[in-house]
Amino acid sequence: MELLVASAIGLMTAAGIYLILRLRTFSVILGLAMLSYAVNVFIFASGRVTVGKPPILSAAASGYTDPLTQALVLTAIVISFGMTAVIVMMALGSYLNTGSDRIDMDDEGETR
């Protein structure tokens, strides 16, 4: 199970970095989203990967998962959604002003 989660985190990170290095705003937005998903899964997995265990301590439960990492991931999901919305609006404004979604602009505002 840990190998599968670690592989998924690695693949999402690699895909996110590849997409960020492209010269289109839509690819950069997708890359940032992939990186945020990779970080969220990493934080979630740092609280131990257990299946079928409750996140609340009780006398009847034989074990539990760490609820702190789940709370952190929920907070990170909300923050990353807001950041993605802001970046999409900035990219849309840039596209409407320049007529292109390329991000390799010259100093004079001309595209290459």
PDB file of N, CA and C in Angstrom:
ATOM      1  N   MET A   1       0.822  -1.197   0.000  1.00  0.00           N
ATOM      2  CA  MET A   1       0.000   0.000   0.000  1.00  0.00           C
ATOM      3  C   MET A   1       0.862   1.254   0.000  1.00  0.00           C
ATOM      4  N   GLU A   2       1.926   1.243   0.817  1.00  0.00           N
ATOM      5  CA  GLU A   2       2.796   2.416   0.885  1.00  0.00           C
ATOM      6  C   GLU A   2       3.519   2.647  -0.432  1.00  0.00           C
ATOM      7  N   LEU A   3       3.904   1.553  -1.094  1.00  0.00           N
ATOM      8  CA  LEU A   3       4.582   1.680  -2.392  1.00  0.00           C
ATOM      9  C   LEU A   3       3.650   2.307  -3.431  1.00  0.00           C
ATOM     10  N   LEU A   4       2.388   1.930  -3.408  1.00  0.00           N
ATOM     11  CA  LEU A   4       1.415   2.502  -4.344  1.00  0.00           C
ATOM     12  C   LEU A   4       1.209   3.994  -4.077  1.00  0.00           C
ATOM     13  N   VAL A   5       1.093   4.367  -2.817  1.00  0.00           N
ATOM     14  CA  VAL A   5       0.897   5.783  -2.474  1.00  0.00           C
ATOM     15  C   VAL A   5       2.140   6.594  -2.831  1.00  0.00           C
ATOM     16  N   ALA A   6       3.318   6.050  -2.521  1.00  0.00           N
ATOM     17  CA  ALA A   6       4.557   6.757  -2.850  1.00  0.00           C
ATOM     18  C   ALA A   6       4.722   6.911  -4.358  1.00  0.00           C
ATOM     19  N   SER A   7       4.357   5.878  -5.114  1.00  0.00           N
ATOM     20  CA  SER A   7       4.433   5.966  -6.581  1.00  0.00           C
ATOM     21  C   SER A   7       3.456   7.005  -7.115  1.00  0.00           C
ATOM     22  N   ALA A   8       2.265   7.048  -6.547  1.00  0.00           N
ATOM     23  CA  ALA A   8       1.279   8.041  -6.993  1.00  0.00           C
ATOM     24  C   ALA A   8       1.758   9.458  -6.699  1.00  0.00           C
ATOM     25  N   ILE A   9       2.353   9.655  -5.527  1.00  0.00           N
ATOM     26  CA  ILE A   9       2.883  10.980  -5.179  1.00  0.00           C
ATOM     27  C   ILE A   9       4.002  11.370  -6.140  1.00  0.00           C
ATOM     28  N   GLY A  10       4.891  10.429  -6.440  1.00  0.00           N
ATOM     29  CA  GLY A  10       5.987  10.706  -7.366  1.00  0.00           C
ATOM     30  C   GLY A  10       5.503  11.027  -8.763  1.00  0.00           C
ATOM     31  N   LEU A  11       4.524  10.266  -9.248  1.00  0.00           N
ATOM     32  CA  LEU A  11       3.992  10.518 -10.590  1.00  0.00           C
ATOM     33  C   LEU A  11       3.270  11.865 -10.664  1.00  0.00           C
ATOM     34  N   MET A  12       2.496  12.193  -9.634  1.00  0.00           N
ATOM     35  CA  MET A  12       1.796  13.482  -9.641  1.00  0.00           C
ATOM     36  C   MET A  12       2.784  14.636  -9.570  1.00  0.00           C
ATOM     37  N   THR A  13       3.849  14.474  -8.790  1.00  0.00           N
ATOM     38  CA  THR A  13       4.862  15.525  -8.700  1.00  0.00           C
ATOM     39  C   THR A  13       5.577  15.703 -10.034  1.00  0.00           C
ATOM     40  N   ALA A  14       5.947  14.593 -10.667  1.00  0.00           N
ATOM     41  CA  ALA A  14       6.632  14.681 -11.960  1.00  0.00           C
ATOM     42  C   ALA A  14       5.737  15.318 -13.021  1.00  0.00           C
ATOM     43  N   ALA A  15       4.479  14.911 -13.052  1.00  0.00           N
ATOM     44  CA  ALA A  15       3.552  15.496 -14.022  1.00  0.00           C
ATOM     45  C   ALA A  15       3.332  16.978 -13.746  1.00  0.00           C
ATOM     46  N   GLY A  16       3.248  17.344 -12.472  1.00  0.00           N
ATOM     47  CA  GLY A  16       3.066  18.755 -12.127  1.00  0.00           C
ATOM     48  C   GLY A  16       4.248  19.605 -12.526  1.00  0.00           C
ATOM     49  N   ILE A  17       5.449  19.121 -12.286  1.00  0.00           N
ATOM     50  CA  ILE A  17       6.648  19.880 -12.677  1.00  0.00           C
ATOM     51  C   ILE A  17       6.743  19.981 -14.193  1.00  0.00           C
ATOM     52  N   TYR A  18       6.451  18.892 -14.898  1.00  0.00           N
ATOM     53  CA  TYR A  18       6.484  18.935 -16.361  1.00  0.00           C
ATOM     54  C   TYR A  18       5.497  19.962 -16.901  1.00  0.00           C
ATOM     55  N   LEU A  19       4.293  19.981 -16.343  1.00  0.00           N
ATOM     56  CA  LEU A  19       3.284  20.921 -16.836  1.00  0.00           C
ATOM     57  C   LEU A  19       3.630  22.363 -16.483  1.00  0.00           C
ATOM     58  N   ILE A  20       4.246  22.597 -15.324  1.00  0.00           N
ATOM     59  CA  ILE A  20       4.627  23.960 -14.945  1.00  0.00           C
ATOM     60  C   ILE A  20       5.704  24.500 -15.884  1.00  0.00           C
ATOM     61  N   LEU A  21       6.595  23.642 -16.360  1.00  0.00           N
ATOM     62  CA  LEU A  21       7.691  24.093 -17.222  1.00  0.00           C
ATOM     63  C   LEU A  21       7.262  24.360 -18.660  1.00  0.00           C
ATOM     64  N   ARG A  22       6.035  24.070 -19.013  1.00  0.00           N
ATOM     65  CA  ARG A  22       5.552  24.394 -20.355  1.00  0.00           C
ATOM     66  C   ARG A  22       5.246  25.882 -20.418  1.00  0.00           C
ATOM     67  N   LEU A  23       5.113  26.426 -21.592  1.00  0.00           N
ATOM     68  CA  LEU A  23       4.984  27.868 -21.755  1.00  0.00           C
ATOM     69  C   LEU A  23       3.553  28.309 -22.043  1.00  0.00           C
ATOM     70  N   ARG A  24       2.588  27.606 -21.515  1.00  0.00           N
ATOM     71  CA  ARG A  24       1.181  27.961 -21.678  1.00  0.00           C
ATOM     72  C   ARG A  24       0.552  28.106 -20.296  1.00  0.00           C
ATOM     73  N   THR A  25      -0.339  29.065 -20.133  1.00  0.00           N
ATOM     74  CA  THR A  25      -0.921  29.304 -18.820  1.00  0.00           C
ATOM     75  C   THR A  25      -1.805  28.158 -18.360  1.00  0.00           C
ATOM     76  N   PHE A  26      -2.551  27.535 -19.270  1.00  0.00           N
ATOM     77  CA  PHE A  26      -3.410  26.422 -18.873  1.00  0.00           C
ATOM     78  C   PHE A  26      -2.588  25.258 -18.341  1.00  0.00           C
ATOM     79  N   SER A  27      -1.445  24.986 -18.961  1.00  0.00           N
ATOM     80  CA  SER A  27      -0.571  23.919 -18.479  1.00  0.00           C
ATOM     81  C   SER A  27      -0.007  24.249 -17.100  1.00  0.00           C
ATOM     82  N   VAL A  28       0.335  25.510 -16.891  1.00  0.00           N
ATOM     83  CA  VAL A  28       0.859  25.916 -15.583  1.00  0.00           C
ATOM     84  C   VAL A  28      -0.213  25.741 -14.506  1.00  0.00           C
ATOM     85  N   ILE A  29      -1.444  26.090 -14.829  1.00  0.00           N
ATOM     86  CA  ILE A  29      -2.540  25.927 -13.857  1.00  0.00           C
ATOM     87  C   ILE A  29      -2.739  24.451 -13.527  1.00  0.00           C
ATOM     88  N   LEU A  30      -2.742  23.594 -14.542  1.00  0.00           N
ATOM     89  CA  LEU A  30      -2.884  22.157 -14.298  1.00  0.00           C
ATOM     90  C   LEU A  30      -1.704  21.616 -13.500  1.00  0.00           C
ATOM     91  N   GLY A  31      -0.495  22.107 -13.793  1.00  0.00           N
ATOM     92  CA  GLY A  31       0.688  21.667 -13.056  1.00  0.00           C
ATOM     93  C   GLY A  31       0.635  22.055 -11.596  1.00  0.00           C
ATOM     94  N   LEU A  32       0.187  23.274 -11.321  1.00  0.00           N
ATOM     95  CA  LEU A  32       0.051  23.695  -9.925  1.00  0.00           C
ATOM     96  C   LEU A  32      -1.002  22.859  -9.196  1.00  0.00           C
ATOM     97  N   ALA A  33      -2.090  22.528  -9.898  1.00  0.00           N
ATOM     98  CA  ALA A  33      -3.114  21.677  -9.284  1.00  0.00           C
ATOM     99  C   ALA A  33      -2.562  20.283  -8.996  1.00  0.00           C
ATOM    100  N   MET A  34      -1.783  19.744  -9.939  1.00  0.00           N
ATOM    101  CA  MET A  34      -1.196  18.414  -9.712  1.00  0.00           C
ATOM    102  C   MET A  34      -0.223  18.431  -8.541  1.00  0.00           C
ATOM    103  N   LEU A  35       0.583  19.483  -8.446  1.00  0.00           N
ATOM    104  CA  LEU A  35       1.512  19.585  -7.317  1.00  0.00           C
ATOM    105  C   LEU A  35       0.773  19.714  -5.994  1.00  0.00           C
ATOM    106  N   SER A  36      -0.318  20.468  -5.982  1.00  0.00           N
ATOM    107  CA  SER A  36      -1.065  20.602  -4.729  1.00  0.00           C
ATOM    108  C   SER A  36      -1.705  19.271  -4.340  1.00  0.00           C
ATOM    109  N   TYR A  37      -2.174  18.500  -5.326  1.00  0.00           N
ATOM    110  CA  TYR A  37      -2.721  17.170  -5.012  1.00  0.00           C
ATOM    111  C   TYR A  37      -1.629  16.266  -4.466  1.00  0.00           C
ATOM    112  N   ALA A  38      -0.439  16.328  -5.047  1.00  0.00           N
ATOM    113  CA  ALA A  38       0.669  15.495  -4.568  1.00  0.00           C
ATOM    114  C   ALA A  38       1.031  15.851  -3.131  1.00  0.00           C
ATOM    115  N   VAL A  39       1.074  17.138  -2.822  1.00  0.00           N
ATOM    116  CA  VAL A  39       1.397  17.557  -1.453  1.00  0.00           C
ATOM    117  C   VAL A  39       0.294  17.125  -0.492  1.00  0.00           C
ATOM    118  N   ASN A  40      -0.966  17.234  -0.916  1.00  0.00           N
ATOM    119  CA  ASN A  40      -2.069  16.811  -0.047  1.00  0.00           C
ATOM    120  C   ASN A  40      -2.007  15.314   0.250  1.00  0.00           C
ATOM    121  N   VAL A  41      -1.730  14.511  -0.761  1.00  0.00           N
ATOM    122  CA  VAL A  41      -1.626  13.063  -0.537  1.00  0.00           C
ATOM    123  C   VAL A  41      -0.427  12.760   0.351  1.00  0.00           C
ATOM    124  N   PHE A  42       0.678  13.504   0.166  1.00  0.00           N
ATOM    125  CA  PHE A  42       1.851  13.305   1.010  1.00  0.00           C
ATOM    126  C   PHE A  42       1.539  13.622   2.474  1.00  0.00           C
ATOM    127  N   ILE A  43       0.849  14.738   2.706  1.00  0.00           N
ATOM    128  CA  ILE A  43       0.490  15.099   4.087  1.00  0.00           C
ATOM    129  C   ILE A  43      -0.458  14.051   4.663  1.00  0.00           C
ATOM    130  N   PHE A  44      -1.414  13.620   3.848  1.00  0.00           N
ATOM    131  CA  PHE A  44      -2.365  12.616   4.323  1.00  0.00           C
ATOM    132  C   PHE A  44      -1.664  11.301   4.645  1.00  0.00           C
ATOM    133  N   ALA A  45      -0.717  10.908   3.817  1.00  0.00           N
ATOM    134  CA  ALA A  45      -0.004   9.648   4.039  1.00  0.00           C
ATOM    135  C   ALA A  45       0.958   9.742   5.216  1.00  0.00           C
ATOM    136  N   SER A  46       1.374  10.943   5.583  1.00  0.00           N
ATOM    137  CA  SER A  46       2.292  11.073   6.712  1.00  0.00           C
ATOM    138  C   SER A  46       1.609  10.731   8.034  1.00  0.00           C
ATOM    139  N   GLY A  47       0.291  10.703   8.056  1.00  0.00           N
ATOM    140  CA  GLY A  47      -0.438  10.320   9.268  1.00  0.00           C
ATOM    141  C   GLY A  47      -0.712   8.830   9.333  1.00  0.00           C
ATOM    142  N   ARG A  48       0.021   8.024   8.646  1.00  0.00           N
ATOM    143  CA  ARG A  48      -0.100   6.583   8.539  1.00  0.00           C
ATOM    144  C   ARG A  48      -1.266   6.213   7.643  1.00  0.00           C
ATOM    145  N   VAL A  49      -1.005   5.325   6.733  1.00  0.00           N
ATOM    146  CA  VAL A  49      -2.031   4.838   5.830  1.00  0.00           C
ATOM    147  C   VAL A  49      -2.659   3.602   6.473  1.00  0.00           C
ATOM    148  N   THR A  50      -3.871   3.746   6.970  1.00  0.00           N
ATOM    149  CA  THR A  50      -4.606   2.631   7.555  1.00  0.00           C
ATOM    150  C   THR A  50      -5.987   2.597   6.930  1.00  0.00           C
ATOM    151  N   VAL A  51      -6.495   1.419   6.774  1.00  0.00           N
ATOM    152  CA  VAL A  51      -7.802   1.241   6.144  1.00  0.00           C
ATOM    153  C   VAL A  51      -8.800   0.760   7.192  1.00  0.00           C
ATOM    154  N   GLY A  52      -9.954   1.413   7.242  1.00  0.00           N
ATOM    155  CA  GLY A  52     -11.025   0.971   8.120  1.00  0.00           C
ATOM    156  C   GLY A  52     -10.884   1.378   9.567  1.00  0.00           C
ATOM    157  N   LYS A  53      -9.936   2.249   9.889  1.00  0.00           N
ATOM    158  CA  LYS A  53      -9.769   2.698  11.275  1.00  0.00           C
ATOM    159  C   LYS A  53     -10.452   4.048  11.443  1.00  0.00           C
ATOM    160  N   PRO A  54     -11.088   4.288  12.590  1.00  0.00           N
ATOM    161  CA  PRO A  54     -11.755   5.582  12.794  1.00  0.00           C
ATOM    162  C   PRO A  54     -10.733   6.672  13.127  1.00  0.00           C
ATOM    163  N   PRO A  55     -11.060   7.952  12.795  1.00  0.00           N
ATOM    164  CA  PRO A  55     -10.153   9.039  13.131  1.00  0.00           C
ATOM    165  C   PRO A  55     -10.365   9.554  14.548  1.00  0.00           C
ATOM    166  N   ILE A  56     -11.196   8.884  15.327  1.00  0.00           N
ATOM    167  CA  ILE A  56     -11.519   9.354  16.680  1.00  0.00           C
ATOM    168  C   ILE A  56     -11.112   8.272  17.672  1.00  0.00           C
ATOM    169  N   LEU A  57     -10.476   8.677  18.760  1.00  0.00           N
ATOM    170  CA  LEU A  57     -10.097   7.738  19.813  1.00  0.00           C
ATOM    171  C   LEU A  57     -11.332   7.333  20.604  1.00  0.00           C
ATOM    172  N   SER A  58     -11.464   6.051  20.854  1.00  0.00           N
ATOM    173  CA  SER A  58     -12.530   5.561  21.723  1.00  0.00           C
ATOM    174  C   SER A  58     -12.041   4.286  22.380  1.00  0.00           C
ATOM    175  N   ALA A  59     -12.705   3.902  23.434  1.00  0.00           N
ATOM    176  CA  ALA A  59     -12.307   2.694  24.154  1.00  0.00           C
ATOM    177  C   ALA A  59     -12.615   1.445  23.339  1.00  0.00           C
ATOM    178  N   ALA A  60     -13.630   1.502  22.491  1.00  0.00           N
ATOM    179  CA  ALA A  60     -14.031   0.328  21.715  1.00  0.00           C
ATOM    180  C   ALA A  60     -13.174   0.129  20.472  1.00  0.00           C
ATOM    181  N   ALA A  61     -12.525   1.184  19.993  1.00  0.00           N
ATOM    182  CA  ALA A  61     -11.747   1.069  18.763  1.00  0.00           C
ATOM    183  C   ALA A  61     -10.412   0.394  19.039  1.00  0.00           C
ATOM    184  N   SER A  62     -10.015  -0.470  18.117  1.00  0.00           N
ATOM    185  CA  SER A  62      -8.733  -1.160  18.282  1.00  0.00           C
ATOM    186  C   SER A  62      -7.567  -0.311  17.806  1.00  0.00           C
ATOM    187  N   GLY A  63      -7.839   0.712  17.029  1.00  0.00           N
ATOM    188  CA  GLY A  63      -6.805   1.610  16.529  1.00  0.00           C
ATOM    189  C   GLY A  63      -7.452   2.854  15.984  1.00  0.00           C
ATOM    190  N   TYR A  64      -6.645   3.763  15.501  1.00  0.00           N
ATOM    191  CA  TYR A  64      -7.192   4.992  14.945  1.00  0.00           C
ATOM    192  C   TYR A  64      -6.217   5.552  13.934  1.00  0.00           C
ATOM    193  N   THR A  65      -6.726   6.406  13.079  1.00  0.00           N
ATOM    194  CA  THR A  65      -5.863   7.162  12.173  1.00  0.00           C
ATOM    195  C   THR A  65      -5.677   8.554  12.756  1.00  0.00           C
ATOM    196  N   ASP A  66      -4.637   9.219  12.330  1.00  0.00           N
ATOM    197  CA  ASP A  66      -4.322  10.529  12.893  1.00  0.00           C
ATOM    198  C   ASP A  66      -5.281  11.576  12.330  1.00  0.00           C
ATOM    199  N   PRO A  67      -6.140  12.184  13.151  1.00  0.00           N
ATOM    200  CA  PRO A  67      -7.095  13.159  12.624  1.00  0.00           C
ATOM    201  C   PRO A  67      -6.445  14.498  12.273  1.00  0.00           C
ATOM    202  N   LEU A  68      -5.253  14.779  12.800  1.00  0.00           N
ATOM    203  CA  LEU A  68      -4.600  16.064  12.520  1.00  0.00           C
ATOM    204  C   LEU A  68      -4.247  16.191  11.044  1.00  0.00           C
ATOM    205  N   THR A  69      -3.715  15.129  10.459  1.00  0.00           N
ATOM    206  CA  THR A  69      -3.350  15.200   9.041  1.00  0.00           C
ATOM    207  C   THR A  69      -4.585  15.338   8.156  1.00  0.00           C
ATOM    208  N   GLN A  70      -5.686  14.706   8.553  1.00  0.00           N
ATOM    209  CA  GLN A  70      -6.920  14.851   7.777  1.00  0.00           C
ATOM    210  C   GLN A  70      -7.428  16.289   7.834  1.00  0.00           C
ATOM    211  N   ALA A  71      -7.341  16.918   9.005  1.00  0.00           N
ATOM    212  CA  ALA A  71      -7.760  18.314   9.126  1.00  0.00           C
ATOM    213  C   ALA A  71      -6.842  19.228   8.315  1.00  0.00           C
ATOM    214  N   LEU A  72      -5.541  18.951   8.340  1.00  0.00           N
ATOM    215  CA  LEU A  72      -4.608  19.754   7.554  1.00  0.00           C
ATOM    216  C   LEU A  72      -4.886  19.634   6.062  1.00  0.00           C
ATOM    217  N   VAL A  73      -5.180  18.427   5.604  1.00  0.00           N
ATOM    218  CA  VAL A  73      -5.446  18.218   4.179  1.00  0.00           C
ATOM    219  C   VAL A  73      -6.744  18.908   3.772  1.00  0.00           C
ATOM    220  N   LEU A  74      -7.758  18.847   4.619  1.00  0.00           N
ATOM    221  CA  LEU A  74      -9.002  19.554   4.287  1.00  0.00           C
ATOM    222  C   LEU A  74      -8.768  21.053   4.173  1.00  0.00           C
ATOM    223  N   THR A  75      -7.979  21.606   5.068  1.00  0.00           N
ATOM    224  CA  THR A  75      -7.645  23.028   4.998  1.00  0.00           C
ATOM    225  C   THR A  75      -6.845  23.335   3.738  1.00  0.00           C
ATOM    226  N   ALA A  76      -5.900  22.464   3.408  1.00  0.00           N
ATOM    227  CA  ALA A  76      -5.073  22.676   2.216  1.00  0.00           C
ATOM    228  C   ALA A  76      -5.897  22.585   0.942  1.00  0.00           C
ATOM    229  N   ILE A  77      -6.900  21.718   0.922  1.00  0.00           N
ATOM    230  CA  ILE A  77      -7.764  21.609  -0.256  1.00  0.00           C
ATOM    231  C   ILE A  77      -8.517  22.918  -0.477  1.00  0.00           C
ATOM    232  N   VAL A  78      -9.035  23.496   0.584  1.00  0.00           N
ATOM    233  CA  VAL A  78      -9.779  24.755   0.465  1.00  0.00           C
ATOM    234  C   VAL A  78      -8.852  25.878  -0.004  1.00  0.00           C
ATOM    235  N   ILE A  79      -7.666  25.949   0.585  1.00  0.00           N
ATOM    236  CA  ILE A  79      -6.717  27.004   0.204  1.00  0.00           C
ATOM    237  C   ILE A  79      -6.273  26.823  -1.249  1.00  0.00           C
ATOM    238  N   SER A  80      -5.986  25.595  -1.668  1.00  0.00           N
ATOM    239  CA  SER A  80      -5.532  25.376  -3.048  1.00  0.00           C
ATOM    240  C   SER A  80      -6.655  25.663  -4.043  1.00  0.00           C
ATOM    241  N   PHE A  81      -7.901  25.396  -3.675  1.00  0.00           N
ATOM    242  CA  PHE A  81      -9.017  25.740  -4.560  1.00  0.00           C
ATOM    243  C   PHE A  81      -9.104  27.252  -4.743  1.00  0.00           C
ATOM    244  N   GLY A  82      -8.953  27.992  -3.659  1.00  0.00           N
ATOM    245  CA  GLY A  82      -8.972  29.453  -3.769  1.00  0.00           C
ATOM    246  C   GLY A  82      -7.824  29.988  -4.592  1.00  0.00           C
ATOM    247  N   MET A  83      -6.633  29.438  -4.382  1.00  0.00           N
ATOM    248  CA  MET A  83      -5.466  29.877  -5.158  1.00  0.00           C
ATOM    249  C   MET A  83      -5.640  29.557  -6.630  1.00  0.00           C
ATOM    250  N   THR A  84      -6.211  28.388  -6.938  1.00  0.00           N
ATOM    251  CA  THR A  84      -6.438  28.025  -8.329  1.00  0.00           C
ATOM    252  C   THR A  84      -7.439  28.976  -8.976  1.00  0.00           C
ATOM    253  N   ALA A  85      -8.467  29.363  -8.238  1.00  0.00           N
ATOM    254  CA  ALA A  85      -9.445  30.312  -8.785  1.00  0.00           C
ATOM    255  C   ALA A  85      -8.788  31.661  -9.078  1.00  0.00           C
ATOM    256  N   VAL A  86      -7.909  32.127  -8.193  1.00  0.00           N
ATOM    257  CA  VAL A  86      -7.214  33.400  -8.419  1.00  0.00           C
ATOM    258  C   VAL A  86      -6.304  33.301  -9.637  1.00  0.00           C
ATOM    259  N   ILE A  87      -5.580  32.195  -9.766  1.00  0.00           N
ATOM    260  CA  ILE A  87      -4.666  32.033 -10.902  1.00  0.00           C
ATOM    261  C   ILE A  87      -5.437  31.932 -12.215  1.00  0.00           C
ATOM    262  N   VAL A  88      -6.577  31.251 -12.201  1.00  0.00           N
ATOM    263  CA  VAL A  88      -7.399  31.165 -13.415  1.00  0.00           C
ATOM    264  C   VAL A  88      -7.886  32.544 -13.825  1.00  0.00           C
ATOM    265  N   MET A  89      -8.291  33.360 -12.860  1.00  0.00           N
ATOM    266  CA  MET A  89      -8.749  34.712 -13.195  1.00  0.00           C
ATOM    267  C   MET A  89      -7.602  35.563 -13.743  1.00  0.00           C
ATOM    268  N   MET A  90      -6.400  35.436 -13.164  1.00  0.00           N
ATOM    269  CA  MET A  90      -5.249  36.177 -13.683  1.00  0.00           C
ATOM    270  C   MET A  90      -4.894  35.715 -15.092  1.00  0.00           C
ATOM    271  N   ALA A  91      -4.959  34.406 -15.342  1.00  0.00           N
ATOM    272  CA  ALA A  91      -4.653  33.887 -16.674  1.00  0.00           C
ATOM    273  C   ALA A  91      -5.699  34.330 -17.684  1.00  0.00           C
ATOM    274  N   LEU A  92      -6.953  34.355 -17.268  1.00  0.00           N
ATOM    275  CA  LEU A  92      -8.007  34.817 -18.161  1.00  0.00           C
ATOM    276  C   LEU A  92      -7.832  36.292 -18.497  1.00  0.00           C
ATOM    277  N   GLY A  93      -7.479  37.114 -17.508  1.00  0.00           N
ATOM    278  CA  GLY A  93      -7.224  38.531 -17.771  1.00  0.00           C
ATOM    279  C   GLY A  93      -6.043  38.734 -18.701  1.00  0.00           C
ATOM    280  N   SER A  94      -4.995  37.948 -18.518  1.00  0.00           N
ATOM    281  CA  SER A  94      -3.830  38.030 -19.396  1.00  0.00           C
ATOM    282  C   SER A  94      -4.194  37.615 -20.818  1.00  0.00           C
ATOM    283  N   TYR A  95      -5.003  36.559 -20.938  1.00  0.00           N
ATOM    284  CA  TYR A  95      -5.408  36.101 -22.268  1.00  0.00           C
ATOM    285  C   TYR A  95      -6.264  37.151 -22.973  1.00  0.00           C
ATOM    286  N   LEU A  96      -7.150  37.785 -22.239  1.00  0.00           N
ATOM    287  CA  LEU A  96      -8.016  38.797 -22.844  1.00  0.00           C
ATOM    288  C   LEU A  96      -7.223  40.038 -23.236  1.00  0.00           C
ATOM    289  N   ASN A  97      -6.167  40.372 -22.496  1.00  0.00           N
ATOM    290  CA  ASN A  97      -5.365  41.550 -22.830  1.00  0.00           C
ATOM    291  C   ASN A  97      -4.411  41.308 -23.983  1.00  0.00           C
ATOM    292  N   THR A  98      -3.798  40.123 -24.035  1.00  0.00           N
ATOM    293  CA  THR A  98      -2.775  39.871 -25.047  1.00  0.00           C
ATOM    294  C   THR A  98      -3.280  39.055 -26.224  1.00  0.00           C
ATOM    295  N   GLY A  99      -4.357  38.290 -26.049  1.00  0.00           N
ATOM    296  CA  GLY A  99      -4.864  37.451 -27.121  1.00  0.00           C
ATOM    297  C   GLY A  99      -4.116  36.138 -27.264  1.00  0.00           C
ATOM    298  N   SER A 100      -3.237  35.830 -26.319  1.00  0.00           N
ATOM    299  CA  SER A 100      -2.479  34.588 -26.352  1.00  0.00           C
ATOM    300  C   SER A 100      -2.311  34.072 -24.936  1.00  0.00           C
ATOM    301  N   ASP A 101      -2.157  32.758 -24.803  1.00  0.00           N
ATOM    302  CA  ASP A 101      -1.935  32.206 -23.472  1.00  0.00           C
ATOM    303  C   ASP A 101      -0.481  31.821 -23.243  1.00  0.00           C
ATOM    304  N   ARG A 102       0.405  32.254 -24.113  1.00  0.00           N
ATOM    305  CA  ARG A 102       1.828  31.977 -23.926  1.00  0.00           C
ATOM    306  C   ARG A 102       2.366  32.861 -22.802  1.00  0.00           C
ATOM    307  N   ILE A 103       3.360  32.351 -22.082  1.00  0.00           N
ATOM    308  CA  ILE A 103       3.897  33.108 -20.948  1.00  0.00           C
ATOM    309  C   ILE A 103       5.330  33.553 -21.181  1.00  0.00           C
ATOM    310  N   ASP A 104       5.846  33.403 -22.410  1.00  0.00           N
ATOM    311  CA  ASP A 104       7.197  33.864 -22.701  1.00  0.00           C
ATOM    312  C   ASP A 104       7.126  35.219 -23.397  1.00  0.00           C
ATOM    313  N   MET A 105       6.756  36.218 -22.653  1.00  0.00           N
ATOM    314  CA  MET A 105       6.592  37.557 -23.209  1.00  0.00           C
ATOM    315  C   MET A 105       7.922  38.305 -23.161  1.00  0.00           C
ATOM    316  N   ASP A 106       8.146  39.171 -24.142  1.00  0.00           N
ATOM    317  CA  ASP A 106       9.300  40.063 -24.123  1.00  0.00           C
ATOM    318  C   ASP A 106       9.023  41.206 -23.163  1.00  0.00           C
ATOM    319  N   ASP A 107      10.037  42.044 -22.954  1.00  0.00           N
ATOM    320  CA  ASP A 107       9.873  43.192 -22.074  1.00  0.00           C
ATOM    321  C   ASP A 107       8.872  44.200 -22.612  1.00  0.00           C
ATOM    322  N   GLU A 108       8.729  44.261 -23.931  1.00  0.00           N
ATOM    323  CA  GLU A 108       7.830  45.240 -24.532  1.00  0.00           C
ATOM    324  C   GLU A 108       6.396  44.756 -24.600  1.00  0.00           C
ATOM    325  N   GLY A 109       6.114  43.534 -24.132  1.00  0.00           N
ATOM    326  CA  GLY A 109       4.762  43.004 -24.161  1.00  0.00           C
ATOM    327  C   GLY A 109       4.444  42.230 -25.412  1.00  0.00           C
ATOM    328  N   GLU A 110       5.418  42.000 -26.273  1.00  0.00           N
ATOM    329  CA  GLU A 110       5.210  41.240 -27.502  1.00  0.00           C
ATOM    330  C   GLU A 110       5.508  39.774 -27.245  1.00  0.00           C
ATOM    331  N   THR A 111       4.774  38.897 -27.927  1.00  0.00           N
ATOM    332  CA  THR A 111       5.070  37.479 -27.833  1.00  0.00           C
ATOM    333  C   THR A 111       6.150  37.122 -28.821  1.00  0.00           C
ATOM    334  N   ARG A 112       6.893  36.085 -28.530  1.00  0.00           N
ATOM    335  CA  ARG A 112       7.960  35.642 -29.429  1.00  0.00           C
ATOM    336  C   ARG A 112       7.409  34.846 -30.571  1.00  0.00           C
TER     337      ARG A 112
END
